PDB file of N, CA and C in Angstrom:
ATOM      1  N   MET A   1     -25.821   2.781  -4.725  1.00  0.00           N
ATOM      2  CA  MET A   1     -24.467   3.331  -4.710  1.00  0.00           C
ATOM      3  C   MET A   1     -23.982   3.403  -3.266  1.00  0.00           C
ATOM      4  N   SER A   2     -22.714   3.079  -3.062  1.00  0.00           N
ATOM      5  CA  SER A   2     -22.171   3.105  -1.713  1.00  0.00           C
ATOM      6  C   SER A   2     -21.925   4.538  -1.263  1.00  0.00           C
ATOM      7  N   ARG A   3     -21.896   4.714   0.021  1.00  0.00           N
ATOM      8  CA  ARG A   3     -21.677   6.029   0.610  1.00  0.00           C
ATOM      9  C   ARG A   3     -20.231   6.453   0.390  1.00  0.00           C
ATOM     10  N   VAL A   4     -20.011   7.720   0.112  1.00  0.00           N
ATOM     11  CA  VAL A   4     -18.664   8.246  -0.077  1.00  0.00           C
ATOM     12  C   VAL A   4     -18.451   9.437   0.847  1.00  0.00           C
ATOM     13  N   GLU A   5     -17.206   9.699   1.155  1.00  0.00           N
ATOM     14  CA  GLU A   5     -16.813  10.830   1.982  1.00  0.00           C
ATOM     15  C   GLU A   5     -15.965  11.777   1.141  1.00  0.00           C
ATOM     16  N   VAL A   6     -16.053  13.042   1.419  1.00  0.00           N
ATOM     17  CA  VAL A   6     -15.208  14.023   0.750  1.00  0.00           C
ATOM     18  C   VAL A   6     -13.853  14.033   1.439  1.00  0.00           C
ATOM     19  N   PHE A   7     -12.801  14.042   0.633  1.00  0.00           N
ATOM     20  CA  PHE A   7     -11.437  14.032   1.139  1.00  0.00           C
ATOM     21  C   PHE A   7     -10.667  15.113   0.394  1.00  0.00           C
ATOM     22  N   SER A   8      -9.901  15.881   1.109  1.00  0.00           N
ATOM     23  CA  SER A   8      -9.128  16.953   0.490  1.00  0.00           C
ATOM     24  C   SER A   8      -7.674  16.839   0.928  1.00  0.00           C
ATOM     25  N   ALA A   9      -6.778  17.082  -0.015  1.00  0.00           N
ATOM     26  CA  ALA A   9      -5.350  17.051   0.302  1.00  0.00           C
ATOM     27  C   ALA A   9      -4.620  18.009  -0.630  1.00  0.00           C
ATOM     28  N   LYS A  10      -3.553  18.566  -0.132  1.00  0.00           N
ATOM     29  CA  LYS A  10      -2.714  19.419  -0.962  1.00  0.00           C
ATOM     30  C   LYS A  10      -1.614  18.562  -1.564  1.00  0.00           C
ATOM     31  N   ILE A  11      -1.411  18.717  -2.871  1.00  0.00           N
ATOM     32  CA  ILE A  11      -0.336  18.001  -3.554  1.00  0.00           C
ATOM     33  C   ILE A  11       0.447  19.009  -4.395  1.00  0.00           C
ATOM     34  N   SER A  12       1.644  18.624  -4.763  1.00  0.00           N
ATOM     35  CA  SER A  12       2.483  19.519  -5.559  1.00  0.00           C
ATOM     36  C   SER A  12       1.879  19.683  -6.962  1.00  0.00           C
ATOM     37  N   PRO A  13       2.158  20.818  -7.587  1.00  0.00           N
ATOM     38  CA  PRO A  13       1.670  21.024  -8.958  1.00  0.00           C
ATOM     39  C   PRO A  13       2.171  19.937  -9.918  1.00  0.00           C
ATOM     40  N   GLU A  14       3.399  19.476  -9.711  1.00  0.00           N
ATOM     41  CA  GLU A  14       3.946  18.419 -10.578  1.00  0.00           C
ATOM     42  C   GLU A  14       3.141  17.130 -10.447  1.00  0.00           C
ATOM     43  N   LEU A  15       2.829  16.736  -9.219  1.00  0.00           N
ATOM     44  CA  LEU A  15       2.040  15.526  -9.005  1.00  0.00           C
ATOM     45  C   LEU A  15       0.642  15.687  -9.590  1.00  0.00           C
ATOM     46  N   LYS A  16       0.068  16.858  -9.473  1.00  0.00           N
ATOM     47  CA  LYS A  16      -1.268  17.124 -10.038  1.00  0.00           C
ATOM     48  C   LYS A  16      -1.236  16.990 -11.553  1.00  0.00           C
ATOM     49  N   ARG A  17      -0.189  17.542 -12.190  1.00  0.00           N
ATOM     50  CA  ARG A  17      -0.065  17.414 -13.655  1.00  0.00           C
ATOM     51  C   ARG A  17       0.057  15.951 -14.057  1.00  0.00           C
ATOM     52  N   LEU A  18       0.852  15.182 -13.310  1.00  0.00           N
ATOM     53  CA  LEU A  18       0.999  13.754 -13.621  1.00  0.00           C
ATOM     54  C   LEU A  18      -0.319  13.009 -13.445  1.00  0.00           C
ATOM     55  N   LEU A  19      -1.033  13.328 -12.387  1.00  0.00           N
ATOM     56  CA  LEU A  19      -2.342  12.702 -12.150  1.00  0.00           C
ATOM     57  C   LEU A  19      -3.297  13.013 -13.292  1.00  0.00           C
ATOM     58  N   ASP A  20      -3.357  14.276 -13.684  1.00  0.00           N
ATOM     59  CA  ASP A  20      -4.223  14.661 -14.807  1.00  0.00           C
ATOM     60  C   ASP A  20      -3.839  13.915 -16.080  1.00  0.00           C
ATOM     61  N   LYS A  21      -2.542  13.819 -16.343  1.00  0.00           N
ATOM     62  CA  LYS A  21      -2.055  13.142 -17.555  1.00  0.00           C
ATOM     63  C   LYS A  21      -2.434  11.667 -17.539  1.00  0.00           C
ATOM     64  N   VAL A  22      -2.196  11.007 -16.425  1.00  0.00           N
ATOM     65  CA  VAL A  22      -2.522   9.575 -16.322  1.00  0.00           C
ATOM     66  C   VAL A  22      -4.021   9.349 -16.491  1.00  0.00           C
ATOM     67  N   CYS A  23      -4.809  10.201 -15.891  1.00  0.00           N
ATOM     68  CA  CYS A  23      -6.257  10.058 -16.007  1.00  0.00           C
ATOM     69  C   CYS A  23      -6.718  10.227 -17.449  1.00  0.00           C
ATOM     70  N   ARG A  24      -6.153  11.204 -18.133  1.00  0.00           N
ATOM     71  CA  ARG A  24      -6.499  11.393 -19.551  1.00  0.00           C
ATOM     72  C   ARG A  24      -6.079  10.167 -20.365  1.00  0.00           C
ATOM     73  N   MET A  25      -4.857   9.688 -20.137  1.00  0.00           N
ATOM     74  CA  MET A  25      -4.334   8.553 -20.900  1.00  0.00           C
ATOM     75  C   MET A  25      -5.160   7.291 -20.652  1.00  0.00           C
ATOM     76  N   ALA A  26      -5.534   7.062 -19.403  1.00  0.00           N
ATOM     77  CA  ALA A  26      -6.253   5.840 -19.046  1.00  0.00           C
ATOM     78  C   ALA A  26      -7.762   5.982 -19.187  1.00  0.00           C
ATOM     79  N   GLY A  27      -8.236   7.212 -19.339  1.00  0.00           N
ATOM     80  CA  GLY A  27      -9.673   7.430 -19.459  1.00  0.00           C
ATOM     81  C   GLY A  27     -10.415   7.145 -18.159  1.00  0.00           C
ATOM     82  N   VAL A  28      -9.780   7.486 -17.041  1.00  0.00           N
ATOM     83  CA  VAL A  28     -10.414   7.263 -15.735  1.00  0.00           C
ATOM     84  C   VAL A  28     -10.472   8.582 -14.965  1.00  0.00           C
ATOM     85  N   LYS A  29     -11.298   8.592 -13.946  1.00  0.00           N
ATOM     86  CA  LYS A  29     -11.434   9.785 -13.116  1.00  0.00           C
ATOM     87  C   LYS A  29     -10.352   9.814 -12.044  1.00  0.00           C
ATOM     88  N   LYS A  30     -10.032  11.029 -11.608  1.00  0.00           N
ATOM     89  CA  LYS A  30      -9.028  11.199 -10.554  1.00  0.00           C
ATOM     90  C   LYS A  30      -9.422  10.434  -9.299  1.00  0.00           C
ATOM     91  N   GLN A  31     -10.697  10.438  -8.976  1.00  0.00           N
ATOM     92  CA  GLN A  31     -11.167   9.746  -7.779  1.00  0.00           C
ATOM     93  C   GLN A  31     -10.754   8.281  -7.802  1.00  0.00           C
ATOM     94  N   PHE A  32     -10.856   7.636  -8.958  1.00  0.00           N
ATOM     95  CA  PHE A  32     -10.494   6.223  -9.078  1.00  0.00           C
ATOM     96  C   PHE A  32      -9.012   6.015  -8.775  1.00  0.00           C
ATOM     97  N   ILE A  33      -8.154   6.837  -9.410  1.00  0.00           N
ATOM     98  CA  ILE A  33      -6.708   6.693  -9.215  1.00  0.00           C
ATOM     99  C   ILE A  33      -6.325   6.949  -7.766  1.00  0.00           C
ATOM    100  N   VAL A  34      -6.852   8.021  -7.191  1.00  0.00           N
ATOM    101  CA  VAL A  34      -6.501   8.378  -5.816  1.00  0.00           C
ATOM    102  C   VAL A  34      -6.989   7.309  -4.849  1.00  0.00           C
ATOM    103  N   GLU A  35      -8.214   6.832  -5.028  1.00  0.00           N
ATOM    104  CA  GLU A  35      -8.743   5.809  -4.121  1.00  0.00           C
ATOM    105  C   GLU A  35      -7.945   4.511  -4.219  1.00  0.00           C
ATOM    106  N   GLU A  36      -7.619   4.095  -5.420  1.00  0.00           N
ATOM    107  CA  GLU A  36      -6.833   2.868  -5.600  1.00  0.00           C
ATOM    108  C   GLU A  36      -5.433   3.018  -5.012  1.00  0.00           C
ATOM    109  N   ALA A  37      -4.803   4.158  -5.233  1.00  0.00           N
ATOM    110  CA  ALA A  37      -3.460   4.386  -4.700  1.00  0.00           C
ATOM    111  C   ALA A  37      -3.473   4.383  -3.174  1.00  0.00           C
ATOM    112  N   LEU A  38      -4.466   5.044  -2.589  1.00  0.00           N
ATOM    113  CA  LEU A  38      -4.583   5.051  -1.125  1.00  0.00           C
ATOM    114  C   LEU A  38      -4.818   3.645  -0.583  1.00  0.00           C
ATOM    115  N   ARG A  39      -5.703   2.909  -1.242  1.00  0.00           N
ATOM    116  CA  ARG A  39      -6.005   1.546  -0.799  1.00  0.00           C
ATOM    117  C   ARG A  39      -4.746   0.682  -0.820  1.00  0.00           C
ATOM    118  N   GLU A  40      -3.978   0.751  -1.909  1.00  0.00           N
ATOM    119  CA  GLU A  40      -2.753  -0.045  -2.025  1.00  0.00           C
ATOM    120  C   GLU A  40      -1.718   0.366  -0.982  1.00  0.00           C
ATOM    121  N   LYS A  41      -1.548   1.670  -0.788  1.00  0.00           N
ATOM    122  CA  LYS A  41      -0.560   2.148   0.179  1.00  0.00           C
ATOM    123  C   LYS A  41      -0.949   1.744   1.596  1.00  0.00           C
ATOM    124  N   ILE A  42      -2.222   1.873   1.930  1.00  0.00           N
ATOM    125  CA  ILE A  42      -2.687   1.476   3.261  1.00  0.00           C
ATOM    126  C   ILE A  42      -2.462  -0.018   3.478  1.00  0.00           C
ATOM    127  N   GLU A  43      -2.754  -0.838   2.471  1.00  0.00           N
ATOM    128  CA  GLU A  43      -2.514  -2.279   2.587  1.00  0.00           C
ATOM    129  C   GLU A  43      -1.033  -2.568   2.799  1.00  0.00           C
ATOM    130  N   ASP A  44      -0.163  -1.871   2.061  1.00  0.00           N
ATOM    131  CA  ASP A  44       1.285  -2.050   2.222  1.00  0.00           C
ATOM    132  C   ASP A  44       1.728  -1.685   3.637  1.00  0.00           C
ATOM    133  N   LEU A  45       1.225  -0.564   4.150  1.00  0.00           N
ATOM    134  CA  LEU A  45       1.600  -0.134   5.493  1.00  0.00           C
ATOM    135  C   LEU A  45       1.097  -1.112   6.554  1.00  0.00           C
ATOM    136  N   LEU A  46      -0.121  -1.614   6.375  1.00  0.00           N
ATOM    137  CA  LEU A  46      -0.642  -2.600   7.327  1.00  0.00           C
ATOM    138  C   LEU A  46       0.156  -3.904   7.273  1.00  0.00           C
ATOM    139  N   ASP A  47       0.526  -4.323   6.069  1.00  0.00           N
ATOM    140  CA  ASP A  47       1.348  -5.531   5.926  1.00  0.00           C
ATOM    141  C   ASP A  47       2.707  -5.336   6.603  1.00  0.00           C
ATOM    142  N   ALA A  48       3.311  -4.173   6.406  1.00  0.00           N
ATOM    143  CA  ALA A  48       4.609  -3.893   7.026  1.00  0.00           C
ATOM    144  C   ALA A  48       4.479  -3.887   8.546  1.00  0.00           C
ATOM    145  N   TYR A  49       3.409  -3.328   9.057  1.00  0.00           N
ATOM    146  CA  TYR A  49       3.183  -3.314  10.505  1.00  0.00           C
ATOM    147  C   TYR A  49       3.017  -4.747  11.026  1.00  0.00           C
ATOM    148  N   ASP A  50       2.210  -5.547  10.325  1.00  0.00           N
ATOM    149  CA  ASP A  50       2.012  -6.941  10.737  1.00  0.00           C
ATOM    150  C   ASP A  50       3.327  -7.705  10.737  1.00  0.00           C
ATOM    151  N   LEU A  51       4.163  -7.473   9.728  1.00  0.00           N
ATOM    152  CA  LEU A  51       5.456  -8.145   9.651  1.00  0.00           C
ATOM    153  C   LEU A  51       6.354  -7.731  10.814  1.00  0.00           C
ATOM    154  N   ARG A  52       6.398  -6.430  11.111  1.00  0.00           N
ATOM    155  CA  ARG A  52       7.214  -5.970  12.249  1.00  0.00           C
ATOM    156  C   ARG A  52       6.729  -6.597  13.554  1.00  0.00           C
ATOM    157  N   GLU A  53       5.421  -6.675  13.729  1.00  0.00           N
ATOM    158  CA  GLU A  53       4.868  -7.278  14.942  1.00  0.00           C
ATOM    159  C   GLU A  53       5.197  -8.772  15.007  1.00  0.00           C
ATOM    160  N   ALA A  54       5.115  -9.460  13.877  1.00  0.00           N
ATOM    161  CA  ALA A  54       5.425 -10.890  13.850  1.00  0.00           C
ATOM    162  C   ALA A  54       6.889 -11.127  14.199  1.00  0.00           C
ATOM    163  N   ILE A  55       7.763 -10.295  13.653  1.00  0.00           N
ATOM    164  CA  ILE A  55       9.189 -10.441  13.943  1.00  0.00           C
ATOM    165  C   ILE A  55       9.455 -10.136  15.412  1.00  0.00           C
ATOM    166  N   LYS A  56       8.827  -9.090  15.922  1.00  0.00           N
ATOM    167  CA  LYS A  56       9.022  -8.705  17.315  1.00  0.00           C
ATOM    168  C   LYS A  56       8.543  -9.807  18.265  1.00  0.00           C
ATOM    169  N   ASN A  57       7.460 -10.474  17.907  1.00  0.00           N
ATOM    170  CA  ASN A  57       6.873 -11.489  18.773  1.00  0.00           C
ATOM    171  C   ASN A  57       7.363 -12.900  18.488  1.00  0.00           C
ATOM    172  N   ALA A  58       8.195 -13.034  17.472  1.00  0.00           N
ATOM    173  CA  ALA A  58       8.672 -14.368  17.099  1.00  0.00           C
ATOM    174  C   ALA A  58       9.716 -14.836  18.107  1.00  0.00           C
ATOM    175  N   GLY A  59       9.786 -16.115  18.193  1.00  0.00           N
ATOM    176  CA  GLY A  59      10.822 -16.709  19.040  1.00  0.00           C
ATOM    177  C   GLY A  59      12.132 -16.727  18.291  1.00  0.00           C
ATOM    178  N   GLU A  60      12.943 -17.650  18.658  1.00  0.00           N
ATOM    179  CA  GLU A  60      14.261 -17.778  18.045  1.00  0.00           C
ATOM    180  C   GLU A  60      14.129 -18.202  16.590  1.00  0.00           C
ATOM    181  N   PHE A  61      14.983 -17.673  15.732  1.00  0.00           N
ATOM    182  CA  PHE A  61      15.016 -18.085  14.335  1.00  0.00           C
ATOM    183  C   PHE A  61      16.076 -19.161  14.174  1.00  0.00           C
ATOM    184  N   TYR A  62      15.791 -20.100  13.305  1.00  0.00           N
ATOM    185  CA  TYR A  62      16.707 -21.210  13.072  1.00  0.00           C
ATOM    186  C   TYR A  62      17.221 -21.145  11.646  1.00  0.00           C
ATOM    187  N   SER A  63      18.470 -21.485  11.471  1.00  0.00           N
ATOM    188  CA  SER A  63      19.035 -21.496  10.123  1.00  0.00           C
ATOM    189  C   SER A  63      18.417 -22.644   9.342  1.00  0.00           C
ATOM    190  N   TRP A  64      18.445 -22.521   8.028  1.00  0.00           N
ATOM    191  CA  TRP A  64      17.910 -23.570   7.178  1.00  0.00           C
ATOM    192  C   TRP A  64      18.684 -24.859   7.383  1.00  0.00           C
ATOM    193  N   GLU A  65      19.985 -24.772   7.593  1.00  0.00           N
ATOM    194  CA  GLU A  65      20.803 -25.965   7.811  1.00  0.00           C
ATOM    195  C   GLU A  65      20.338 -26.716   9.064  1.00  0.00           C
ATOM    196  N   SER A  66      20.056 -26.013  10.126  1.00  0.00           N
ATOM    197  CA  SER A  66      19.630 -26.700  11.358  1.00  0.00           C
ATOM    198  C   SER A  66      18.231 -27.291  11.196  1.00  0.00           C
ATOM    199  N   VAL A  67      17.383 -26.651  10.396  1.00  0.00           N
ATOM    200  CA  VAL A  67      16.045 -27.184  10.157  1.00  0.00           C
ATOM    201  C   VAL A  67      16.131 -28.456   9.310  1.00  0.00           C
ATOM    202  N   LYS A  68      16.992 -28.451   8.287  1.00  0.00           N
ATOM    203  CA  LYS A  68      17.146 -29.625   7.436  1.00  0.00           C
ATOM    204  C   LYS A  68      17.628 -30.830   8.244  1.00  0.00           C
ATOM    205  N   LYS A  69      18.503 -30.604   9.206  1.00  0.00           N
ATOM    206  CA  LYS A  69      19.023 -31.702  10.020  1.00  0.00           C
ATOM    207  C   LYS A  69      17.917 -32.385  10.819  1.00  0.00           C
ATOM    208  N   GLU A  70      16.891 -31.610  11.201  1.00  0.00           N
ATOM    209  CA  GLU A  70      15.786 -32.141  12.002  1.00  0.00           C
ATOM    210  C   GLU A  70      14.797 -32.939  11.163  1.00  0.00           C
ATOM    211  N   LEU A  71      14.857 -32.799   9.841  1.00  0.00           N
ATOM    212  CA  LEU A  71      13.903 -33.487   8.957  1.00  0.00           C
ATOM    213  C   LEU A  71      14.225 -34.917   8.791  1.00  0.00           C
TER     214      LEU A  71
END
């Protein structure tokens, strides 16, 4: 089994009720839902950061019309 860390966070009672409901409906543990949600959100944030960096470091952008003319 892989090593795990304890993580604690405060969430609203409404979000907790929704989490409990989803877990019951899907037959999964809260740990699974929370870990998957965190993983997806972190990936989204990293992708957004990479995109901002790429745009910041990109050179001039060319319109599709000017690119087609060069083909």
